[in-house]
Amino acid sequence: MYQDEFNYVALPAVYTREDGAWIRAQLSTLPVGLRDKIALAYAQAYQDAFDAEQVSFRQQNAARRSANKRLREFCARYTPVSRGYTSPPPRVD
């Protein structure tokens, strides 16, 4: 088990309640020192997308979609690298 799995994961300042468990699971895959920074970036992406949508009943969905996509892509790229799951560069003969 990884050392950082038992630490509490703080949620972003702005998020949708239904996404809370998923956000916590995604943030828990990241190193402890990076979680607060990414949670802040999530909240900023959420708020930016919320403010950019002009139709009031679409604001929350647009914000969720944008922020969750950003978090999902970041965790998919960064987590394997932070855990050392990299492959050596191809050998050129």
Foldseek 3Di string as FASTA:
>chain_A
DDPQQPDAQDAAPDDDPVCVVVLRVLLSLDDPVCRVVLRPVLRVQLVVQLVVDDDNVCSRVSSRVRSVVVSVVCSVPPSCVVVPVDDDDDDDD
